[in-house]
Amino acid sequence: MLTDEQIEEMMARVRKLELKARRLVRESFSGEYLSSFKGQGLDFDDFREYQHGDEVRFIDWNVTARMNQPFVRKFREERELSVVIAVDVSGSSDYGSQNLSKREVAAEAAAVLGFSALGNGDKVGLLVFAGEPLLFIPPAKGSRHLLRMIREILTMKPPVQGTSISAACDFLVRTLRRRSVVFMISDFYSDPLDKPLGKLAHKHEAIALRLSDPLEAKLPKVGKVIMRDPETGFETLVNTSNPNLRKSYERLMLRQHEGVSSVLKKHGIDSAELGTDQDALKTLHQLFKRRSRKRAR
């Protein structure tokens, strides 16, 4: 249980995040957010006769057969999106060799995404997960609602420290009835990934934000150290002065990173990396711009 001092410190952090996120959204994020995500949802409206230039995939073959001429489905653009931020708070999320832990970077990103959504009239919700889904806050509007989300990201203590992307994806696929924009924020140190992420991307607009720390990619040369897995508790003595060991570790982590990238690319999931040694807000800005250019083509 948190002490009064810890609660006050956490709330000060939330208020600081709120001010920073609001300023960034006001100054630079709102335009990119709007062009990146607005109007992606479509509601069926009516049928009309096929016209030259219409997309073939919108032809309704049942109506076409009845009317003996091609008809297409008409859609109207949704004016409001549902944005769900899924955040991994497993044991590895509390690691950070730089100024912030991965969890704190995730909370900062969630604040910016949340205020961007609210500023454009969209609803925003939260799924906090580790080895299983821990808390789901349905999409809604309002600053108090969003501040509660940020507080939960920073304070949630999972009973089991493992990570299950599969359980999180299955929960979202079952729970979200309406097509939503889902930001999955995790280091993706989890198996399996392929089928769960594929199912999520098939039903929703999925974006992966990968949390990372520079010491996870390369071991520093610091002699013999005891390394502990934060999710299993397993400890082992490692001689980091051994160049072969460092190279093997680097290759292993590179393969893991490339494996995740391959799965995301396979299912058309946009992604960006949020490093504890980088400016997460700059990364989000670049992601929004990239998506805006893609939609403009």
C-alpha atoms as a PDB file:
ATOM      1  CA  MET A   1       0.000   0.000   0.000  1.00  0.00           C
ATOM      2  CA  LEU A   2       1.292   3.472  -0.876  1.00  0.00           C
ATOM      3  CA  THR A   3       2.194   5.877   1.912  1.00  0.00           C
ATOM      4  CA  ASP A   4       0.753   9.419   2.022  1.00  0.00           C
ATOM      5  CA  GLU A   5       4.149  10.735   0.912  1.00  0.00           C
ATOM      6  CA  GLN A   6       4.291   8.340  -2.067  1.00  0.00           C
ATOM      7  CA  ILE A   7       0.738   9.247  -3.088  1.00  0.00           C
ATOM      8  CA  GLU A   8       1.557  12.963  -2.946  1.00  0.00           C
ATOM      9  CA  GLU A   9       4.740  12.406  -4.978  1.00  0.00           C
ATOM     10  CA  MET A  10       2.793  10.394  -7.555  1.00  0.00           C
ATOM     11  CA  MET A  11       0.066  13.048  -7.844  1.00  0.00           C
ATOM     12  CA  ALA A  12       2.704  15.750  -8.321  1.00  0.00           C
ATOM     13  CA  ARG A  13       4.118  13.672 -11.174  1.00  0.00           C
ATOM     14  CA  VAL A  14       0.647  13.306 -12.711  1.00  0.00           C
ATOM     15  CA  ARG A  15       0.027  17.073 -12.502  1.00  0.00           C
ATOM     16  CA  LYS A  16       3.421  17.751 -14.099  1.00  0.00           C
ATOM     17  CA  LEU A  17       2.615  15.288 -16.884  1.00  0.00           C
ATOM     18  CA  GLU A  18      -0.774  16.939 -17.416  1.00  0.00           C
ATOM     19  CA  LEU A  19       0.737  20.405 -17.858  1.00  0.00           C
ATOM     20  CA  LYS A  20       3.450  19.136 -20.199  1.00  0.00           C
ATOM     21  CA  ALA A  21       1.037  17.063 -22.289  1.00  0.00           C
ATOM     22  CA  ARG A  22      -1.523  19.876 -22.589  1.00  0.00           C
ATOM     23  CA  ARG A  23       1.162  22.299 -23.757  1.00  0.00           C
ATOM     24  CA  LEU A  24       2.541  19.894 -26.355  1.00  0.00           C
ATOM     25  CA  VAL A  25      -0.897  19.035 -27.676  1.00  0.00           C
ATOM     26  CA  ARG A  26      -1.800  22.706 -27.927  1.00  0.00           C
ATOM     27  CA  GLU A  27       1.445  23.686 -29.637  1.00  0.00           C
ATOM     28  CA  SER A  28       2.141  20.866 -32.043  1.00  0.00           C
ATOM     29  CA  PHE A  29       0.211  17.628 -31.730  1.00  0.00           C
ATOM     30  CA  SER A  30      -3.407  18.418 -32.491  1.00  0.00           C
ATOM     31  CA  GLY A  31      -2.944  18.883 -36.252  1.00  0.00           C
ATOM     32  CA  GLU A  32      -0.999  15.669 -36.714  1.00  0.00           C
ATOM     33  CA  TYR A  33      -3.435  13.721 -34.547  1.00  0.00           C
ATOM     34  CA  LEU A  34      -6.388  14.994 -36.559  1.00  0.00           C
ATOM     35  CA  SER A  35      -4.881  14.069 -39.924  1.00  0.00           C
ATOM     36  CA  SER A  36      -3.553  10.725 -38.632  1.00  0.00           C
ATOM     37  CA  PHE A  37      -6.716   9.288 -37.156  1.00  0.00           C
ATOM     38  CA  LYS A  38      -9.794  11.372 -37.897  1.00  0.00           C
ATOM     39  CA  GLY A  39     -12.329   9.796 -40.182  1.00  0.00           C
ATOM     40  CA  GLN A  40     -10.861   6.309 -40.146  1.00  0.00           C
ATOM     41  CA  GLY A  41     -14.088   4.836 -38.828  1.00  0.00           C
ATOM     42  CA  LEU A  42     -16.912   4.374 -41.345  1.00  0.00           C
ATOM     43  CA  ASP A  43     -20.590   3.690 -40.710  1.00  0.00           C
ATOM     44  CA  PHE A  44     -22.773   2.073 -43.386  1.00  0.00           C
ATOM     45  CA  ASP A  45     -25.245   4.598 -44.807  1.00  0.00           C
ATOM     46  CA  ASP A  46     -27.017   3.350 -47.962  1.00  0.00           C
ATOM     47  CA  PHE A  47     -26.638   1.729 -51.398  1.00  0.00           C
ATOM     48  CA  ARG A  48     -26.241   3.487 -54.745  1.00  0.00           C
ATOM     49  CA  GLU A  49     -25.488   2.489 -58.320  1.00  0.00           C
ATOM     50  CA  TYR A  50     -21.864   1.829 -59.157  1.00  0.00           C
ATOM     51  CA  GLN A  51     -20.080   4.744 -60.850  1.00  0.00           C
ATOM     52  CA  HIS A  52     -16.774   4.768 -62.727  1.00  0.00           C
ATOM     53  CA  GLY A  53     -13.973   5.185 -60.220  1.00  0.00           C
ATOM     54  CA  ASP A  54     -15.759   3.525 -57.281  1.00  0.00           C
ATOM     55  CA  GLU A  55     -13.726   0.967 -55.340  1.00  0.00           C
ATOM     56  CA  VAL A  56     -14.622  -2.578 -56.351  1.00  0.00           C
ATOM     57  CA  ARG A  57     -14.338  -3.765 -52.752  1.00  0.00           C
ATOM     58  CA  PHE A  58     -17.444  -1.708 -51.864  1.00  0.00           C
ATOM     59  CA  ILE A  59     -19.671  -3.514 -54.392  1.00  0.00           C
ATOM     60  CA  ASP A  60     -22.506  -5.340 -52.643  1.00  0.00           C
ATOM     61  CA  TRP A  61     -22.945  -8.522 -54.651  1.00  0.00           C
ATOM     62  CA  ASN A  62     -26.307  -9.505 -53.120  1.00  0.00           C
ATOM     63  CA  VAL A  63     -27.935  -6.203 -54.108  1.00  0.00           C
ATOM     64  CA  THR A  64     -26.164  -6.310 -57.468  1.00  0.00           C
ATOM     65  CA  ALA A  65     -27.663  -9.747 -58.185  1.00  0.00           C
ATOM     66  CA  ARG A  66     -31.182  -8.585 -57.270  1.00  0.00           C
ATOM     67  CA  MET A  67     -31.023  -5.353 -59.296  1.00  0.00           C
ATOM     68  CA  ASN A  68     -29.112  -6.835 -62.290  1.00  0.00           C
ATOM     69  CA  GLN A  69     -26.634  -3.980 -62.178  1.00  0.00           C
ATOM     70  CA  PRO A  70     -23.754  -3.174 -59.826  1.00  0.00           C
ATOM     71  CA  PHE A  71     -24.498  -1.363 -56.571  1.00  0.00           C
ATOM     72  CA  VAL A  72     -21.974  -0.148 -54.007  1.00  0.00           C
ATOM     73  CA  ARG A  73     -22.298   0.422 -50.282  1.00  0.00           C
ATOM     74  CA  LYS A  74     -22.163   4.065 -49.178  1.00  0.00           C
ATOM     75  CA  PHE A  75     -20.539   5.006 -45.898  1.00  0.00           C
ATOM     76  CA  ARG A  76     -20.511   8.112 -43.779  1.00  0.00           C
ATOM     77  CA  GLU A  77     -17.457   9.129 -41.855  1.00  0.00           C
ATOM     78  CA  GLU A  78     -17.616   8.826 -38.088  1.00  0.00           C
ATOM     79  CA  ARG A  79     -17.062  12.138 -36.380  1.00  0.00           C
ATOM     80  CA  GLU A  80     -15.911  10.566 -33.126  1.00  0.00           C
ATOM     81  CA  LEU A  81     -13.265   7.937 -32.480  1.00  0.00           C
ATOM     82  CA  SER A  82     -12.745   5.609 -29.555  1.00  0.00           C
ATOM     83  CA  VAL A  83      -9.087   5.494 -28.566  1.00  0.00           C
ATOM     84  CA  VAL A  84      -7.883   2.752 -26.209  1.00  0.00           C
ATOM     85  CA  ILE A  85      -4.397   2.829 -24.704  1.00  0.00           C
ATOM     86  CA  ALA A  86      -3.156  -0.609 -23.611  1.00  0.00           C
ATOM     87  CA  VAL A  87      -0.160  -0.354 -21.274  1.00  0.00           C
ATOM     88  CA  ASP A  88       2.156  -3.160 -20.154  1.00  0.00           C
ATOM     89  CA  VAL A  89       3.012  -2.722 -16.438  1.00  0.00           C
ATOM     90  CA  SER A  90       4.827  -6.052 -16.003  1.00  0.00           C
ATOM     91  CA  GLY A  91       8.079  -6.316 -14.069  1.00  0.00           C
ATOM     92  CA  SER A  92      10.264  -5.161 -16.949  1.00  0.00           C
ATOM     93  CA  SER A  93       8.304  -1.888 -17.234  1.00  0.00           C
ATOM     94  CA  ASP A  94       9.865  -0.593 -14.004  1.00  0.00           C
ATOM     95  CA  TYR A  95      13.373  -0.819 -15.452  1.00  0.00           C
ATOM     96  CA  GLY A  96      15.205   2.244 -16.682  1.00  0.00           C
ATOM     97  CA  SER A  97      18.933   2.969 -16.805  1.00  0.00           C
ATOM     98  CA  GLN A  98      18.315   6.593 -17.796  1.00  0.00           C
ATOM     99  CA  ASN A  99      16.197   9.320 -16.166  1.00  0.00           C
ATOM    100  CA  LEU A 100      12.853   7.537 -16.571  1.00  0.00           C
ATOM    101  CA  SER A 101      11.636   3.970 -16.300  1.00  0.00           C
ATOM    102  CA  LYS A 102       9.760   2.369 -19.184  1.00  0.00           C
ATOM    103  CA  ARG A 103       6.548   2.722 -17.180  1.00  0.00           C
ATOM    104  CA  GLU A 104       7.084   6.461 -16.748  1.00  0.00           C
ATOM    105  CA  VAL A 105       7.761   6.831 -20.481  1.00  0.00           C
ATOM    106  CA  ALA A 106       4.523   4.903 -21.139  1.00  0.00           C
ATOM    107  CA  ALA A 107       2.578   7.229 -18.817  1.00  0.00           C
ATOM    108  CA  GLU A 108       4.006  10.290 -20.567  1.00  0.00           C
ATOM    109  CA  ALA A 109       3.051   8.912 -23.983  1.00  0.00           C
ATOM    110  CA  ALA A 110      -0.427   7.995 -22.737  1.00  0.00           C
ATOM    111  CA  ALA A 111      -0.919  11.543 -21.432  1.00  0.00           C
ATOM    112  CA  VAL A 112      -0.043  13.094 -24.798  1.00  0.00           C
ATOM    113  CA  LEU A 113      -2.193  10.613 -26.732  1.00  0.00           C
ATOM    114  CA  GLY A 114      -5.065  11.054 -24.296  1.00  0.00           C
ATOM    115  CA  PHE A 115      -5.094  14.851 -24.374  1.00  0.00           C
ATOM    116  CA  SER A 116      -4.776  14.751 -28.174  1.00  0.00           C
ATOM    117  CA  ALA A 117      -7.866  12.549 -28.343  1.00  0.00           C
ATOM    118  CA  LEU A 118      -9.869  14.651 -25.895  1.00  0.00           C
ATOM    119  CA  GLY A 119      -8.832  17.857 -27.656  1.00  0.00           C
ATOM    120  CA  ASN A 120     -10.371  16.528 -30.859  1.00  0.00           C
ATOM    121  CA  GLY A 121     -13.617  15.396 -29.246  1.00  0.00           C
ATOM    122  CA  ASP A 122     -12.762  11.679 -29.090  1.00  0.00           C
ATOM    123  CA  LYS A 123     -13.216   9.232 -26.246  1.00  0.00           C
ATOM    124  CA  VAL A 124     -10.211   7.591 -24.625  1.00  0.00           C
ATOM    125  CA  GLY A 125      -9.965   4.438 -22.518  1.00  0.00           C
ATOM    126  CA  LEU A 126      -7.295   2.318 -20.849  1.00  0.00           C
ATOM    127  CA  LEU A 127      -6.284  -1.309 -20.459  1.00  0.00           C
ATOM    128  CA  VAL A 128      -3.540  -1.995 -17.920  1.00  0.00           C
ATOM    129  CA  PHE A 129      -2.075  -5.485 -18.220  1.00  0.00           C
ATOM    130  CA  ALA A 130       0.830  -7.705 -17.239  1.00  0.00           C
ATOM    131  CA  GLY A 131       0.507 -11.493 -17.205  1.00  0.00           C
ATOM    132  CA  GLU A 132      -3.239 -10.883 -17.526  1.00  0.00           C
ATOM    133  CA  PRO A 133      -5.577  -7.901 -17.997  1.00  0.00           C
ATOM    134  CA  LEU A 134      -5.583  -5.995 -14.691  1.00  0.00           C
ATOM    135  CA  LEU A 135      -7.857  -2.995 -15.218  1.00  0.00           C
ATOM    136  CA  PHE A 136     -10.071  -1.760 -18.024  1.00  0.00           C
ATOM    137  CA  ILE A 137     -11.436   1.780 -18.066  1.00  0.00           C
ATOM    138  CA  PRO A 138     -13.976   2.137 -20.926  1.00  0.00           C
ATOM    139  CA  PRO A 139     -13.500   5.031 -23.380  1.00  0.00           C
ATOM    140  CA  ALA A 140     -14.994   8.289 -22.138  1.00  0.00           C
ATOM    141  CA  LYS A 141     -14.321  12.017 -22.214  1.00  0.00           C
ATOM    142  CA  GLY A 142     -13.062  14.448 -19.612  1.00  0.00           C
ATOM    143  CA  SER A 143      -9.753  15.475 -18.037  1.00  0.00           C
ATOM    144  CA  ARG A 144     -10.505  13.835 -14.682  1.00  0.00           C
ATOM    145  CA  HIS A 145     -11.138  10.565 -16.500  1.00  0.00           C
ATOM    146  CA  LEU A 146      -7.760  10.832 -18.260  1.00  0.00           C
ATOM    147  CA  LEU A 147      -5.884  11.799 -15.096  1.00  0.00           C
ATOM    148  CA  ARG A 148      -7.249   8.694 -13.400  1.00  0.00           C
ATOM    149  CA  MET A 149      -5.877   6.649 -16.309  1.00  0.00           C
ATOM    150  CA  ILE A 150      -2.395   8.140 -15.915  1.00  0.00           C
ATOM    151  CA  ARG A 151      -2.505   7.558 -12.163  1.00  0.00           C
ATOM    152  CA  GLU A 152      -3.405   3.888 -12.696  1.00  0.00           C
ATOM    153  CA  ILE A 153      -0.512   3.416 -15.139  1.00  0.00           C
ATOM    154  CA  LEU A 154       1.959   4.780 -12.585  1.00  0.00           C
ATOM    155  CA  THR A 155       0.636   2.955  -9.510  1.00  0.00           C
ATOM    156  CA  MET A 156      -0.713  -0.425 -10.669  1.00  0.00           C
ATOM    157  CA  LYS A 157       1.042  -3.340  -8.944  1.00  0.00           C
ATOM    158  CA  PRO A 158       0.531  -6.599 -10.867  1.00  0.00           C
ATOM    159  CA  PRO A 159       0.197  -9.724  -8.695  1.00  0.00           C
ATOM    160  CA  VAL A 160       2.173 -11.687 -11.294  1.00  0.00           C
ATOM    161  CA  GLN A 161       5.132 -10.021 -13.004  1.00  0.00           C
ATOM    162  CA  GLY A 162       4.991 -11.786 -16.385  1.00  0.00           C
ATOM    163  CA  THR A 163       3.794 -10.325 -19.700  1.00  0.00           C
ATOM    164  CA  SER A 164       1.008 -11.638 -21.909  1.00  0.00           C
ATOM    165  CA  ILE A 165       0.354  -9.632 -25.064  1.00  0.00           C
ATOM    166  CA  SER A 166      -1.923 -12.500 -26.088  1.00  0.00           C
ATOM    167  CA  ALA A 167      -4.207 -12.069 -23.058  1.00  0.00           C
ATOM    168  CA  ALA A 168      -4.355  -8.296 -23.616  1.00  0.00           C
ATOM    169  CA  CYS A 169      -5.232  -8.678 -27.317  1.00  0.00           C
ATOM    170  CA  ASP A 170      -7.860 -11.330 -26.633  1.00  0.00           C
ATOM    171  CA  PHE A 171      -9.467  -9.092 -24.005  1.00  0.00           C
ATOM    172  CA  LEU A 172      -9.621  -6.114 -26.365  1.00  0.00           C
ATOM    173  CA  VAL A 173     -11.017  -8.187 -29.253  1.00  0.00           C
ATOM    174  CA  ARG A 174     -13.765  -9.553 -26.972  1.00  0.00           C
ATOM    175  CA  THR A 175     -14.544  -6.317 -25.141  1.00  0.00           C
ATOM    176  CA  LEU A 176     -14.411  -3.527 -27.746  1.00  0.00           C
ATOM    177  CA  ARG A 177     -17.599  -3.814 -29.790  1.00  0.00           C
ATOM    178  CA  ARG A 178     -16.898  -0.773 -31.906  1.00  0.00           C
ATOM    179  CA  ARG A 179     -13.835  -0.433 -34.167  1.00  0.00           C
ATOM    180  CA  SER A 180     -11.305   1.594 -32.194  1.00  0.00           C
ATOM    181  CA  VAL A 181      -7.793   2.999 -32.398  1.00  0.00           C
ATOM    182  CA  VAL A 182      -5.678   0.849 -30.052  1.00  0.00           C
ATOM    183  CA  PHE A 183      -2.225   1.946 -28.899  1.00  0.00           C
ATOM    184  CA  MET A 184      -0.328  -1.046 -27.501  1.00  0.00           C
ATOM    185  CA  ILE A 185       2.513   0.251 -25.285  1.00  0.00           C
ATOM    186  CA  SER A 186       4.918  -2.521 -24.274  1.00  0.00           C
ATOM    187  CA  ASP A 187       8.484  -3.788 -24.658  1.00  0.00           C
ATOM    188  CA  PHE A 188       6.906  -6.833 -26.371  1.00  0.00           C
ATOM    189  CA  TYR A 189       9.025  -9.326 -24.422  1.00  0.00           C
ATOM    190  CA  SER A 190       6.209 -11.833 -24.707  1.00  0.00           C
ATOM    191  CA  ASP A 191       5.163 -14.932 -26.636  1.00  0.00           C
ATOM    192  CA  PRO A 192       3.151 -15.548 -28.678  1.00  0.00           C
ATOM    193  CA  LEU A 193       2.740 -12.327 -30.676  1.00  0.00           C
ATOM    194  CA  ASP A 194       1.766 -13.272 -34.242  1.00  0.00           C
ATOM    195  CA  LYS A 195      -1.815 -14.543 -33.926  1.00  0.00           C
ATOM    196  CA  PRO A 196      -2.912 -12.233 -31.063  1.00  0.00           C
ATOM    197  CA  LEU A 197      -1.661  -9.069 -32.776  1.00  0.00           C
ATOM    198  CA  GLY A 198      -3.073 -10.272 -36.096  1.00  0.00           C
ATOM    199  CA  LYS A 199      -6.541 -10.685 -34.572  1.00  0.00           C
ATOM    200  CA  LEU A 200      -6.334  -7.278 -32.920  1.00  0.00           C
ATOM    201  CA  ALA A 201      -5.208  -5.545 -36.139  1.00  0.00           C
ATOM    202  CA  HIS A 202      -7.979  -7.261 -38.110  1.00  0.00           C
ATOM    203  CA  LYS A 203     -10.695  -5.816 -35.866  1.00  0.00           C
ATOM    204  CA  HIS A 204      -9.157  -2.497 -34.800  1.00  0.00           C
ATOM    205  CA  GLU A 205      -6.667   0.140 -35.929  1.00  0.00           C
ATOM    206  CA  ALA A 206      -3.617  -1.013 -33.975  1.00  0.00           C
ATOM    207  CA  ILE A 207      -0.454   0.988 -33.331  1.00  0.00           C
ATOM    208  CA  ALA A 208       2.509  -0.480 -31.421  1.00  0.00           C
ATOM    209  CA  LEU A 209       4.691   1.723 -29.222  1.00  0.00           C
ATOM    210  CA  ARG A 210       7.750  -0.280 -28.206  1.00  0.00           C
ATOM    211  CA  LEU A 211       9.398   0.573 -24.891  1.00  0.00           C
ATOM    212  CA  SER A 212      13.172   0.103 -24.762  1.00  0.00           C
ATOM    213  CA  ASP A 213      16.268   0.913 -22.754  1.00  0.00           C
ATOM    214  CA  PRO A 214      19.790   1.166 -24.235  1.00  0.00           C
ATOM    215  CA  LEU A 215      21.278  -1.336 -21.751  1.00  0.00           C
ATOM    216  CA  GLU A 216      18.846  -3.976 -22.997  1.00  0.00           C
ATOM    217  CA  ALA A 217      20.378  -3.875 -26.467  1.00  0.00           C
ATOM    218  CA  LYS A 218      24.053  -3.975 -25.447  1.00  0.00           C
ATOM    219  CA  LEU A 219      25.720  -5.189 -22.277  1.00  0.00           C
ATOM    220  CA  PRO A 220      28.255  -2.742 -20.836  1.00  0.00           C
ATOM    221  CA  LYS A 221      31.711  -4.030 -19.973  1.00  0.00           C
ATOM    222  CA  VAL A 222      31.548  -3.866 -16.169  1.00  0.00           C
ATOM    223  CA  GLY A 223      32.963  -7.219 -15.073  1.00  0.00           C
ATOM    224  CA  LYS A 224      31.021  -9.867 -13.181  1.00  0.00           C
ATOM    225  CA  VAL A 225      27.471  -8.883 -12.255  1.00  0.00           C
ATOM    226  CA  ILE A 226      24.386 -10.682 -10.997  1.00  0.00           C
ATOM    227  CA  MET A 227      21.549 -10.219 -13.492  1.00  0.00           C
ATOM    228  CA  ARG A 228      17.966 -10.678 -12.365  1.00  0.00           C
ATOM    229  CA  ASP A 229      14.916 -11.204 -14.560  1.00  0.00           C
ATOM    230  CA  PRO A 230      12.304  -8.779 -13.146  1.00  0.00           C
ATOM    231  CA  GLU A 231       9.428 -10.948 -14.360  1.00  0.00           C
ATOM    232  CA  THR A 232      10.572 -14.387 -13.176  1.00  0.00           C
ATOM    233  CA  GLY A 233      12.987 -13.479 -10.391  1.00  0.00           C
ATOM    234  CA  PHE A 234      15.651 -15.757 -11.907  1.00  0.00           C
ATOM    235  CA  GLU A 235      19.202 -14.634 -11.088  1.00  0.00           C
ATOM    236  CA  THR A 236      22.459 -15.557 -12.779  1.00  0.00           C
ATOM    237  CA  LEU A 237      26.093 -14.465 -12.571  1.00  0.00           C
ATOM    238  CA  VAL A 238      27.311 -12.939 -15.838  1.00  0.00           C
ATOM    239  CA  ASN A 239      30.858 -11.968 -16.776  1.00  0.00           C
ATOM    240  CA  THR A 240      30.325  -8.902 -18.954  1.00  0.00           C
ATOM    241  CA  SER A 241      34.063  -8.679 -19.616  1.00  0.00           C
ATOM    242  CA  ASN A 242      33.706 -11.683 -21.931  1.00  0.00           C
ATOM    243  CA  PRO A 243      33.496 -10.223 -25.493  1.00  0.00           C
ATOM    244  CA  ASN A 244      31.919 -13.404 -26.911  1.00  0.00           C
ATOM    245  CA  LEU A 245      29.165 -13.257 -24.319  1.00  0.00           C
ATOM    246  CA  ARG A 246      28.475  -9.595 -25.080  1.00  0.00           C
ATOM    247  CA  LYS A 247      28.306 -10.300 -28.820  1.00  0.00           C
ATOM    248  CA  SER A 248      26.007 -13.312 -28.313  1.00  0.00           C
ATOM    249  CA  TYR A 249      23.726 -11.225 -26.116  1.00  0.00           C
ATOM    250  CA  GLU A 250      23.644  -8.408 -28.674  1.00  0.00           C
ATOM    251  CA  ARG A 251      22.752 -10.852 -31.475  1.00  0.00           C
ATOM    252  CA  LEU A 252      20.018 -12.414 -29.338  1.00  0.00           C
ATOM    253  CA  MET A 253      18.419  -9.037 -28.586  1.00  0.00           C
ATOM    254  CA  LEU A 254      18.702  -7.987 -32.231  1.00  0.00           C
ATOM    255  CA  ARG A 255      16.878 -11.145 -33.327  1.00  0.00           C
ATOM    256  CA  GLN A 256      14.157 -10.477 -30.774  1.00  0.00           C
ATOM    257  CA  HIS A 257      13.766  -6.899 -32.012  1.00  0.00           C
ATOM    258  CA  GLU A 258      13.669  -7.987 -35.652  1.00  0.00           C
ATOM    259  CA  GLY A 259      11.172 -10.729 -34.823  1.00  0.00           C
ATOM    260  CA  VAL A 260       8.745  -8.233 -33.320  1.00  0.00           C
ATOM    261  CA  SER A 261       9.248  -5.876 -36.288  1.00  0.00           C
ATOM    262  CA  SER A 262       8.457  -8.724 -38.688  1.00  0.00           C
ATOM    263  CA  VAL A 263       5.176  -9.524 -36.910  1.00  0.00           C
ATOM    264  CA  LEU A 264       4.104  -5.867 -36.882  1.00  0.00           C
ATOM    265  CA  LYS A 265       4.929  -5.444 -40.578  1.00  0.00           C
ATOM    266  CA  LYS A 266       3.094  -8.660 -41.471  1.00  0.00           C
ATOM    267  CA  HIS A 267      -0.140  -7.340 -39.971  1.00  0.00           C
ATOM    268  CA  GLY A 268       0.243  -3.733 -41.171  1.00  0.00           C
ATOM    269  CA  ILE A 269       0.676  -2.345 -37.660  1.00  0.00           C
ATOM    270  CA  ASP A 270       2.375   1.046 -37.505  1.00  0.00           C
ATOM    271  CA  SER A 271       5.008   1.275 -34.786  1.00  0.00           C
ATOM    272  CA  ALA A 272       7.456   3.599 -33.066  1.00  0.00           C
ATOM    273  CA  GLU A 273      10.089   3.070 -30.390  1.00  0.00           C
ATOM    274  CA  LEU A 274       9.893   4.880 -27.065  1.00  0.00           C
ATOM    275  CA  GLY A 275      13.360   4.733 -25.511  1.00  0.00           C
ATOM    276  CA  THR A 276      14.139   5.740 -21.947  1.00  0.00           C
ATOM    277  CA  ASP A 277      17.098   7.663 -23.401  1.00  0.00           C
ATOM    278  CA  GLN A 278      15.071   9.468 -26.073  1.00  0.00           C
ATOM    279  CA  ASP A 279      12.426  12.153 -26.363  1.00  0.00           C
ATOM    280  CA  ALA A 280       9.211  10.127 -26.507  1.00  0.00           C
ATOM    281  CA  LEU A 281       7.220  13.170 -27.537  1.00  0.00           C
ATOM    282  CA  LYS A 282       9.411  13.784 -30.573  1.00  0.00           C
ATOM    283  CA  THR A 283       8.946  10.118 -31.532  1.00  0.00           C
ATOM    284  CA  LEU A 284       5.144  10.435 -31.325  1.00  0.00           C
ATOM    285  CA  HIS A 285       5.277  13.597 -33.396  1.00  0.00           C
ATOM    286  CA  GLN A 286       7.203  11.755 -36.120  1.00  0.00           C
ATOM    287  CA  LEU A 287       4.739   8.835 -35.982  1.00  0.00           C
ATOM    288  CA  PHE A 288       1.777  11.171 -36.484  1.00  0.00           C
ATOM    289  CA  LYS A 289       3.486  12.916 -39.399  1.00  0.00           C
ATOM    290  CA  ARG A 290       4.334   9.589 -41.031  1.00  0.00           C
ATOM    291  CA  ARG A 291       0.728   8.423 -40.757  1.00  0.00           C
ATOM    292  CA  SER A 292      -0.523  11.761 -42.122  1.00  0.00           C
ATOM    293  CA  ARG A 293       1.669  11.431 -45.220  1.00  0.00           C
ATOM    294  CA  LYS A 294       0.539   7.836 -45.725  1.00  0.00           C
ATOM    295  CA  ARG A 295      -3.141   8.824 -45.579  1.00  0.00           C
ATOM    296  CA  ALA A 296      -2.573  11.708 -48.003  1.00  0.00           C
ATOM    297  CA  ARG A 297      -1.330   9.400 -50.779  1.00  0.00           C
END
